[in-house]
Amino acid sequence: MRKLLIPSLLFCLFVITTKSVLADQRSHIAIGEIVHARISDSLIRFLAETTAESRLSEINGDVITVENAESDALANVGKTGHFRLENRHGDTFVIATQIRNAVYIGLFRNKAYVIAVPIEVHGVRKFILAIIRDRRDEETPVLLGRNFLHGHYLRGINH
């Protein structure tokens, strides 16, 4: 009797674990390394790279104006900024949104603002924090980091 009990329990544990993993995978969308994304309510499509190496996402763009701007970037957190976003074809649009944070990037410590922005990939729209910076020298104008992937997407290798 005891010889049958242990294998039966192990089999039940295997079935329960397998069902749990499969259910979790069904709730996620598999995406590839490069995807098309739509930002905000624009009709412009952006080529985007997905990565689990970066915590925050990034979008190619620059600051047009910040209301009541201060010279210190951190002093502008909480203010409304107008940002010009550009895809690799040169199509642009302007988004007005609240500045959530300011970061300094690279060797020259260039300032960049962090904003909350809706991004849509494969029909799923998420509000995420993204750094607005010059990505013209990068392969893609948008980098979708872990904050975008979390909870909805599984990054596949061969997609």
N, C-alpha and C. Protein backbone atom coordinates (compact mmCIF):
# COMPACT_ATOMS: atom_id res chain seq x y z
N MET A 1 0.83 -1.20 0.00
CA MET A 1 0.00 0.00 0.00
C MET A 1 0.86 1.25 0.00
N ARG A 2 1.88 1.23 0.85
CA ARG A 2 2.77 2.38 0.96
C ARG A 2 3.52 2.62 -0.35
N LYS A 3 3.86 1.53 -1.07
CA LYS A 3 4.58 1.65 -2.33
C LYS A 3 3.74 2.36 -3.38
N LEU A 4 2.45 2.26 -3.33
CA LEU A 4 1.57 2.93 -4.28
C LEU A 4 1.27 4.37 -3.88
N LEU A 5 1.32 4.66 -2.61
CA LEU A 5 0.97 5.99 -2.11
C LEU A 5 1.96 7.06 -2.57
N ILE A 6 3.24 6.81 -2.44
CA ILE A 6 4.24 7.82 -2.79
C ILE A 6 4.22 8.14 -4.29
N PRO A 7 4.23 7.14 -5.19
CA PRO A 7 4.14 7.49 -6.62
C PRO A 7 2.84 8.21 -6.97
N SER A 8 1.74 7.84 -6.32
CA SER A 8 0.47 8.52 -6.58
C SER A 8 0.53 9.98 -6.16
N LEU A 9 1.12 10.25 -5.01
CA LEU A 9 1.26 11.64 -4.55
C LEU A 9 2.16 12.44 -5.48
N LEU A 10 3.26 11.84 -5.91
CA LEU A 10 4.16 12.52 -6.84
C LEU A 10 3.47 12.83 -8.16
N PHE A 11 2.67 11.89 -8.66
CA PHE A 11 1.94 12.11 -9.90
C PHE A 11 0.94 13.27 -9.74
N CYS A 12 0.22 13.29 -8.64
CA CYS A 12 -0.74 14.38 -8.38
C CYS A 12 -0.02 15.73 -8.31
N LEU A 13 1.11 15.77 -7.65
CA LEU A 13 1.89 17.01 -7.56
C LEU A 13 2.35 17.45 -8.94
N PHE A 14 2.78 16.51 -9.78
CA PHE A 14 3.21 16.82 -11.14
C PHE A 14 2.06 17.41 -11.95
N VAL A 15 0.88 16.80 -11.87
CA VAL A 15 -0.28 17.27 -12.62
C VAL A 15 -0.68 18.67 -12.17
N ILE A 16 -0.73 18.91 -10.88
CA ILE A 16 -1.10 20.23 -10.35
C ILE A 16 -0.09 21.29 -10.79
N THR A 17 1.20 20.99 -10.69
CA THR A 17 2.24 21.94 -11.08
C THR A 17 2.17 22.24 -12.57
N THR A 18 2.00 21.22 -13.39
CA THR A 18 1.93 21.40 -14.84
C THR A 18 0.74 22.26 -15.21
N LYS A 19 -0.41 22.01 -14.62
CA LYS A 19 -1.59 22.82 -14.92
C LYS A 19 -1.37 24.27 -14.52
N SER A 20 -0.73 24.50 -13.40
CA SER A 20 -0.46 25.86 -12.93
C SER A 20 0.47 26.59 -13.89
N VAL A 21 1.53 25.94 -14.34
CA VAL A 21 2.48 26.56 -15.27
C VAL A 21 1.81 26.84 -16.60
N LEU A 22 1.02 25.90 -17.12
CA LEU A 22 0.35 26.11 -18.40
C LEU A 22 -0.67 27.23 -18.30
N ALA A 23 -1.40 27.33 -17.21
CA ALA A 23 -2.37 28.42 -17.03
C ALA A 23 -1.65 29.75 -16.99
N ASP A 24 -0.50 29.81 -16.32
CA ASP A 24 0.27 31.05 -16.25
C ASP A 24 0.77 31.45 -17.63
N GLN A 25 1.22 30.49 -18.44
CA GLN A 25 1.71 30.81 -19.77
C GLN A 25 0.59 31.27 -20.68
N ARG A 26 -0.61 30.75 -20.52
CA ARG A 26 -1.74 31.18 -21.35
C ARG A 26 -2.12 32.62 -21.07
N SER A 27 -1.84 33.11 -19.88
CA SER A 27 -2.21 34.48 -19.55
C SER A 27 -1.19 35.49 -20.06
N HIS A 28 -0.09 35.01 -20.64
CA HIS A 28 0.94 35.88 -21.19
C HIS A 28 0.95 35.78 -22.72
N ILE A 29 1.41 36.83 -23.36
CA ILE A 29 1.54 36.86 -24.81
C ILE A 29 3.02 36.72 -25.15
N ALA A 30 3.35 35.78 -26.02
CA ALA A 30 4.74 35.61 -26.44
C ALA A 30 5.06 36.66 -27.50
N ILE A 31 6.15 37.39 -27.30
CA ILE A 31 6.58 38.38 -28.28
C ILE A 31 8.05 38.16 -28.59
N GLY A 32 8.47 38.68 -29.72
CA GLY A 32 9.85 38.52 -30.15
C GLY A 32 10.74 39.65 -29.68
N GLU A 33 11.96 39.61 -30.17
CA GLU A 33 12.96 40.61 -29.80
C GLU A 33 12.61 41.98 -30.38
N ILE A 34 12.05 42.00 -31.60
CA ILE A 34 11.65 43.24 -32.26
C ILE A 34 10.15 43.18 -32.52
N VAL A 35 9.42 44.22 -32.10
CA VAL A 35 7.97 44.28 -32.29
C VAL A 35 7.59 45.68 -32.78
N HIS A 36 6.35 45.80 -33.26
CA HIS A 36 5.80 47.11 -33.60
C HIS A 36 4.96 47.59 -32.43
N ALA A 37 5.14 48.85 -32.06
CA ALA A 37 4.42 49.42 -30.92
C ALA A 37 3.74 50.72 -31.35
N ARG A 38 2.63 51.01 -30.69
CA ARG A 38 1.94 52.28 -30.88
C ARG A 38 2.00 53.01 -29.55
N ILE A 39 2.38 54.28 -29.59
CA ILE A 39 2.54 55.05 -28.37
C ILE A 39 1.41 56.06 -28.26
N SER A 40 0.81 56.13 -27.08
CA SER A 40 -0.28 57.04 -26.80
C SER A 40 -1.41 56.78 -27.79
N ASP A 41 -2.07 57.83 -28.23
CA ASP A 41 -3.17 57.68 -29.18
C ASP A 41 -2.74 58.00 -30.60
N SER A 42 -1.43 58.02 -30.85
CA SER A 42 -0.95 58.35 -32.19
C SER A 42 -1.21 57.18 -33.13
N LEU A 43 -1.24 57.48 -34.40
CA LEU A 43 -1.38 56.44 -35.42
C LEU A 43 -0.01 55.99 -35.91
N ILE A 44 1.03 56.58 -35.37
CA ILE A 44 2.40 56.28 -35.79
C ILE A 44 2.86 54.99 -35.12
N ARG A 45 3.46 54.12 -35.93
CA ARG A 45 4.01 52.87 -35.39
C ARG A 45 5.51 53.04 -35.17
N PHE A 46 5.97 52.46 -34.09
CA PHE A 46 7.38 52.51 -33.73
C PHE A 46 7.93 51.09 -33.72
N LEU A 47 9.14 50.93 -34.24
CA LEU A 47 9.84 49.67 -34.11
C LEU A 47 10.44 49.64 -32.71
N ALA A 48 10.22 48.56 -31.99
CA ALA A 48 10.65 48.49 -30.59
C ALA A 48 11.43 47.21 -30.33
N GLU A 49 12.48 47.35 -29.56
CA GLU A 49 13.26 46.20 -29.10
C GLU A 49 12.79 45.83 -27.70
N THR A 50 12.59 44.55 -27.46
CA THR A 50 12.22 44.10 -26.11
C THR A 50 13.46 43.56 -25.42
N THR A 51 13.59 43.86 -24.14
CA THR A 51 14.75 43.37 -23.39
C THR A 51 14.39 43.21 -21.92
N ALA A 52 14.97 42.20 -21.32
CA ALA A 52 14.81 42.03 -19.88
C ALA A 52 16.01 42.62 -19.15
N GLU A 53 16.95 43.18 -19.89
CA GLU A 53 18.16 43.74 -19.28
C GLU A 53 17.96 45.14 -18.73
N SER A 54 16.98 45.85 -19.25
CA SER A 54 16.72 47.22 -18.81
C SER A 54 15.47 47.26 -17.94
N ARG A 55 15.56 47.93 -16.80
CA ARG A 55 14.42 48.03 -15.90
C ARG A 55 13.34 48.92 -16.49
N LEU A 56 13.72 50.09 -16.99
CA LEU A 56 12.76 51.03 -17.57
C LEU A 56 12.81 50.99 -19.09
N SER A 57 11.72 51.37 -19.70
CA SER A 57 11.64 51.48 -21.15
C SER A 57 12.18 52.84 -21.58
N GLU A 58 12.50 52.97 -22.88
CA GLU A 58 13.01 54.22 -23.43
C GLU A 58 12.31 54.50 -24.75
N ILE A 59 12.12 55.81 -25.04
CA ILE A 59 11.51 56.23 -26.30
C ILE A 59 12.37 57.34 -26.89
N ASN A 60 12.60 57.27 -28.21
CA ASN A 60 13.34 58.32 -28.89
C ASN A 60 12.51 59.60 -28.91
N GLY A 61 13.08 60.68 -28.40
CA GLY A 61 12.37 61.94 -28.41
C GLY A 61 13.17 63.03 -27.74
N ASP A 62 12.59 64.20 -27.70
CA ASP A 62 13.24 65.31 -27.03
C ASP A 62 12.19 66.21 -26.39
N VAL A 63 12.67 67.07 -25.51
CA VAL A 63 11.79 67.99 -24.78
C VAL A 63 11.56 69.22 -25.64
N ILE A 64 10.30 69.60 -25.79
CA ILE A 64 9.99 70.86 -26.47
C ILE A 64 9.93 71.96 -25.43
N THR A 65 9.07 71.78 -24.44
CA THR A 65 8.96 72.76 -23.36
C THR A 65 8.58 72.06 -22.06
N VAL A 66 8.92 72.70 -20.97
CA VAL A 66 8.47 72.30 -19.64
C VAL A 66 7.87 73.55 -19.02
N GLU A 67 6.63 73.45 -18.55
CA GLU A 67 5.97 74.61 -17.96
C GLU A 67 6.71 75.06 -16.71
N ASN A 68 7.01 76.35 -16.63
CA ASN A 68 7.75 76.94 -15.51
C ASN A 68 9.05 76.18 -15.24
N ALA A 69 9.81 75.95 -16.29
CA ALA A 69 11.02 75.12 -16.21
C ALA A 69 12.08 75.73 -15.31
N GLU A 70 12.74 74.86 -14.58
CA GLU A 70 13.90 75.20 -13.75
C GLU A 70 15.14 74.65 -14.45
N SER A 71 16.30 75.19 -14.14
CA SER A 71 17.53 74.68 -14.76
C SER A 71 17.89 73.30 -14.22
N ASP A 72 17.52 73.02 -12.97
CA ASP A 72 17.76 71.71 -12.38
C ASP A 72 16.64 70.77 -12.82
N ALA A 73 17.01 69.68 -13.50
CA ALA A 73 16.02 68.75 -14.04
C ALA A 73 15.11 68.17 -12.95
N LEU A 74 15.67 67.88 -11.78
CA LEU A 74 14.86 67.30 -10.70
C LEU A 74 13.80 68.28 -10.20
N ALA A 75 14.05 69.57 -10.33
CA ALA A 75 13.07 70.57 -9.91
C ALA A 75 11.86 70.59 -10.84
N ASN A 76 11.98 69.98 -12.01
CA ASN A 76 10.86 69.95 -12.97
C ASN A 76 9.95 68.73 -12.79
N VAL A 77 10.31 67.84 -11.89
CA VAL A 77 9.47 66.66 -11.64
C VAL A 77 8.11 67.13 -11.11
N GLY A 78 7.05 66.59 -11.68
CA GLY A 78 5.69 66.97 -11.31
C GLY A 78 5.09 68.02 -12.23
N LYS A 79 5.93 68.67 -13.03
CA LYS A 79 5.44 69.67 -13.98
C LYS A 79 5.03 69.00 -15.29
N THR A 80 4.28 69.73 -16.10
CA THR A 80 3.87 69.21 -17.41
C THR A 80 4.93 69.54 -18.44
N GLY A 81 5.28 68.53 -19.21
CA GLY A 81 6.25 68.71 -20.29
C GLY A 81 5.62 68.34 -21.62
N HIS A 82 6.11 68.97 -22.67
CA HIS A 82 5.69 68.63 -24.03
C HIS A 82 6.89 67.97 -24.70
N PHE A 83 6.68 66.76 -25.19
CA PHE A 83 7.77 65.96 -25.74
C PHE A 83 7.47 65.59 -27.19
N ARG A 84 8.47 65.70 -28.04
CA ARG A 84 8.35 65.29 -29.44
C ARG A 84 8.94 63.88 -29.54
N LEU A 85 8.11 62.93 -29.96
CA LEU A 85 8.55 61.55 -30.13
C LEU A 85 8.69 61.27 -31.62
N GLU A 86 9.72 60.51 -32.00
CA GLU A 86 10.01 60.31 -33.42
C GLU A 86 10.35 58.84 -33.69
N ASN A 87 9.74 58.29 -34.75
CA ASN A 87 10.08 56.92 -35.15
C ASN A 87 11.24 56.96 -36.14
N ARG A 88 11.67 55.80 -36.63
CA ARG A 88 12.86 55.76 -37.48
C ARG A 88 12.62 56.30 -38.89
N HIS A 89 11.35 56.52 -39.26
CA HIS A 89 11.03 57.10 -40.56
C HIS A 89 10.93 58.62 -40.50
N GLY A 90 11.13 59.19 -39.32
CA GLY A 90 11.05 60.63 -39.16
C GLY A 90 9.65 61.14 -38.85
N ASP A 91 8.68 60.24 -38.70
CA ASP A 91 7.33 60.65 -38.32
C ASP A 91 7.35 61.05 -36.85
N THR A 92 6.75 62.21 -36.55
CA THR A 92 6.77 62.71 -35.17
C THR A 92 5.36 63.01 -34.68
N PHE A 93 5.23 63.04 -33.38
CA PHE A 93 4.03 63.58 -32.75
C PHE A 93 4.42 64.10 -31.38
N VAL A 94 3.59 64.97 -30.84
CA VAL A 94 3.87 65.62 -29.57
C VAL A 94 2.92 65.07 -28.51
N ILE A 95 3.49 64.79 -27.35
CA ILE A 95 2.70 64.32 -26.22
C ILE A 95 2.93 65.28 -25.05
N ALA A 96 1.85 65.66 -24.39
CA ALA A 96 1.94 66.51 -23.19
C ALA A 96 1.60 65.63 -21.99
N THR A 97 2.50 65.57 -21.04
CA THR A 97 2.29 64.70 -19.89
C THR A 97 3.12 65.18 -18.71
N GLN A 98 2.80 64.68 -17.54
CA GLN A 98 3.52 65.06 -16.33
C GLN A 98 4.87 64.36 -16.27
N ILE A 99 5.89 65.10 -15.87
CA ILE A 99 7.22 64.54 -15.68
C ILE A 99 7.22 63.79 -14.36
N ARG A 100 7.57 62.51 -14.40
CA ARG A 100 7.55 61.66 -13.21
C ARG A 100 8.89 61.61 -12.49
N ASN A 101 9.99 61.78 -13.26
CA ASN A 101 11.32 61.72 -12.66
C ASN A 101 12.31 62.32 -13.65
N ALA A 102 13.51 62.57 -13.18
CA ALA A 102 14.61 63.02 -14.04
C ALA A 102 15.80 62.13 -13.76
N VAL A 103 16.47 61.71 -14.82
CA VAL A 103 17.64 60.85 -14.68
C VAL A 103 18.78 61.44 -15.49
N TYR A 104 19.98 61.04 -15.14
CA TYR A 104 21.16 61.46 -15.89
C TYR A 104 21.76 60.24 -16.55
N ILE A 105 21.99 60.35 -17.86
CA ILE A 105 22.39 59.19 -18.65
C ILE A 105 23.76 59.40 -19.28
N GLY A 106 24.53 58.35 -19.31
CA GLY A 106 25.76 58.32 -20.09
C GLY A 106 26.93 59.02 -19.46
N LEU A 107 28.01 59.01 -20.23
CA LEU A 107 29.27 59.56 -19.80
C LEU A 107 29.19 61.06 -19.54
N PHE A 108 28.40 61.75 -20.36
CA PHE A 108 28.29 63.20 -20.22
C PHE A 108 27.16 63.62 -19.28
N ARG A 109 26.53 62.63 -18.66
CA ARG A 109 25.46 62.88 -17.69
C ARG A 109 24.37 63.78 -18.26
N ASN A 110 23.90 63.43 -19.45
CA ASN A 110 22.81 64.18 -20.07
C ASN A 110 21.52 63.92 -19.31
N LYS A 111 20.75 64.98 -19.11
CA LYS A 111 19.48 64.81 -18.39
C LYS A 111 18.44 64.21 -19.32
N ALA A 112 17.59 63.42 -18.74
CA ALA A 112 16.46 62.84 -19.47
C ALA A 112 15.29 62.75 -18.50
N TYR A 113 14.11 62.94 -19.04
CA TYR A 113 12.91 62.89 -18.20
C TYR A 113 12.24 61.53 -18.32
N VAL A 114 11.58 61.14 -17.24
CA VAL A 114 10.79 59.91 -17.20
C VAL A 114 9.33 60.33 -17.18
N ILE A 115 8.54 59.76 -18.09
CA ILE A 115 7.12 60.09 -18.16
C ILE A 115 6.30 58.80 -18.14
N ALA A 116 5.03 58.91 -17.81
CA ALA A 116 4.10 57.79 -17.92
C ALA A 116 3.43 57.90 -19.28
N VAL A 117 3.45 56.81 -20.02
CA VAL A 117 2.93 56.84 -21.38
C VAL A 117 2.26 55.51 -21.71
N PRO A 118 1.13 55.55 -22.43
CA PRO A 118 0.51 54.29 -22.84
C PRO A 118 1.19 53.74 -24.10
N ILE A 119 1.52 52.46 -24.06
CA ILE A 119 2.13 51.79 -25.21
C ILE A 119 1.31 50.54 -25.51
N GLU A 120 1.04 50.32 -26.79
CA GLU A 120 0.24 49.17 -27.21
C GLU A 120 1.07 48.25 -28.11
N VAL A 121 1.10 46.97 -27.75
CA VAL A 121 1.76 45.94 -28.55
C VAL A 121 0.82 44.74 -28.61
N HIS A 122 0.59 44.23 -29.81
CA HIS A 122 -0.28 43.06 -30.01
C HIS A 122 -1.64 43.23 -29.34
N GLY A 123 -2.19 44.44 -29.42
CA GLY A 123 -3.53 44.69 -28.90
C GLY A 123 -3.64 44.90 -27.41
N VAL A 124 -2.53 44.82 -26.69
CA VAL A 124 -2.54 45.06 -25.24
C VAL A 124 -1.93 46.43 -24.98
N ARG A 125 -2.69 47.28 -24.29
CA ARG A 125 -2.26 48.65 -23.99
C ARG A 125 -1.89 48.73 -22.51
N LYS A 126 -0.68 49.25 -22.25
CA LYS A 126 -0.20 49.38 -20.87
C LYS A 126 0.33 50.79 -20.65
N PHE A 127 0.09 51.33 -19.47
CA PHE A 127 0.72 52.58 -19.06
C PHE A 127 2.01 52.21 -18.35
N ILE A 128 3.11 52.76 -18.82
CA ILE A 128 4.41 52.46 -18.22
C ILE A 128 5.22 53.73 -18.07
N LEU A 129 6.27 53.65 -17.28
CA LEU A 129 7.24 54.74 -17.19
C LEU A 129 8.28 54.52 -18.27
N ALA A 130 8.62 55.60 -18.99
CA ALA A 130 9.62 55.51 -20.06
C ALA A 130 10.51 56.74 -20.01
N ILE A 131 11.79 56.51 -20.29
CA ILE A 131 12.76 57.60 -20.38
C ILE A 131 12.70 58.17 -21.79
N ILE A 132 12.58 59.49 -21.89
CA ILE A 132 12.60 60.15 -23.19
C ILE A 132 14.03 60.62 -23.43
N ARG A 133 14.66 60.06 -24.47
CA ARG A 133 16.04 60.43 -24.77
C ARG A 133 16.33 60.22 -26.25
N ASP A 134 17.47 60.73 -26.69
CA ASP A 134 17.87 60.59 -28.09
C ASP A 134 18.32 59.16 -28.34
N ARG A 135 17.54 58.42 -29.12
CA ARG A 135 17.88 57.04 -29.50
C ARG A 135 18.10 56.93 -31.00
N ARG A 136 18.42 58.04 -31.68
CA ARG A 136 18.59 58.00 -33.14
C ARG A 136 19.74 57.10 -33.57
N ASP A 137 20.74 56.94 -32.73
CA ASP A 137 21.88 56.08 -33.08
C ASP A 137 21.63 54.61 -32.75
N GLU A 138 20.50 54.32 -32.14
CA GLU A 138 20.17 52.94 -31.77
C GLU A 138 19.45 52.26 -32.94
N GLU A 139 19.40 50.94 -32.90
CA GLU A 139 18.73 50.18 -33.96
C GLU A 139 17.22 50.46 -33.99
N THR A 140 16.63 50.66 -32.81
CA THR A 140 15.19 50.91 -32.73
C THR A 140 14.93 52.18 -31.91
N PRO A 141 13.88 52.93 -32.24
CA PRO A 141 13.58 54.14 -31.48
C PRO A 141 12.93 53.88 -30.12
N VAL A 142 12.49 52.66 -29.88
CA VAL A 142 11.84 52.33 -28.61
C VAL A 142 12.51 51.09 -28.03
N LEU A 143 12.76 51.14 -26.74
CA LEU A 143 13.27 49.99 -25.99
C LEU A 143 12.22 49.66 -24.94
N LEU A 144 11.68 48.46 -24.99
CA LEU A 144 10.68 48.03 -24.02
C LEU A 144 11.36 47.16 -22.98
N GLY A 145 11.48 47.69 -21.78
CA GLY A 145 12.18 47.01 -20.70
C GLY A 145 11.28 46.13 -19.85
N ARG A 146 11.82 45.72 -18.72
CA ARG A 146 11.09 44.81 -17.82
C ARG A 146 9.78 45.41 -17.34
N ASN A 147 9.73 46.74 -17.17
CA ASN A 147 8.48 47.33 -16.69
C ASN A 147 7.35 47.17 -17.71
N PHE A 148 7.67 47.01 -18.98
CA PHE A 148 6.65 46.76 -19.99
C PHE A 148 6.31 45.27 -20.06
N LEU A 149 7.32 44.43 -20.05
CA LEU A 149 7.11 42.99 -20.20
C LEU A 149 6.36 42.37 -19.02
N HIS A 150 6.59 42.87 -17.83
CA HIS A 150 6.08 42.26 -16.60
C HIS A 150 4.56 42.09 -16.62
N GLY A 151 4.13 40.86 -16.38
CA GLY A 151 2.71 40.60 -16.19
C GLY A 151 1.92 40.27 -17.43
N HIS A 152 2.40 40.65 -18.62
CA HIS A 152 1.62 40.42 -19.84
C HIS A 152 2.37 39.67 -20.93
N TYR A 153 3.68 39.80 -20.95
CA TYR A 153 4.44 39.28 -22.09
C TYR A 153 5.53 38.31 -21.66
N LEU A 154 5.75 37.31 -22.51
CA LEU A 154 6.90 36.43 -22.40
C LEU A 154 7.74 36.67 -23.64
N ARG A 155 9.00 36.98 -23.44
CA ARG A 155 9.86 37.27 -24.58
C ARG A 155 10.39 35.95 -25.14
N GLY A 156 9.99 35.64 -26.37
CA GLY A 156 10.44 34.42 -27.03
C GLY A 156 11.73 34.66 -27.77
N ILE A 157 12.44 33.59 -28.05
CA ILE A 157 13.71 33.71 -28.76
C ILE A 157 13.50 33.76 -30.26
N ASN A 158 12.62 32.93 -30.78
CA ASN A 158 12.46 32.81 -32.23
C ASN A 158 11.16 33.39 -32.74
N HIS A 159 10.77 34.56 -32.27
CA HIS A 159 9.52 35.17 -32.75
C HIS A 159 9.81 36.18 -33.81
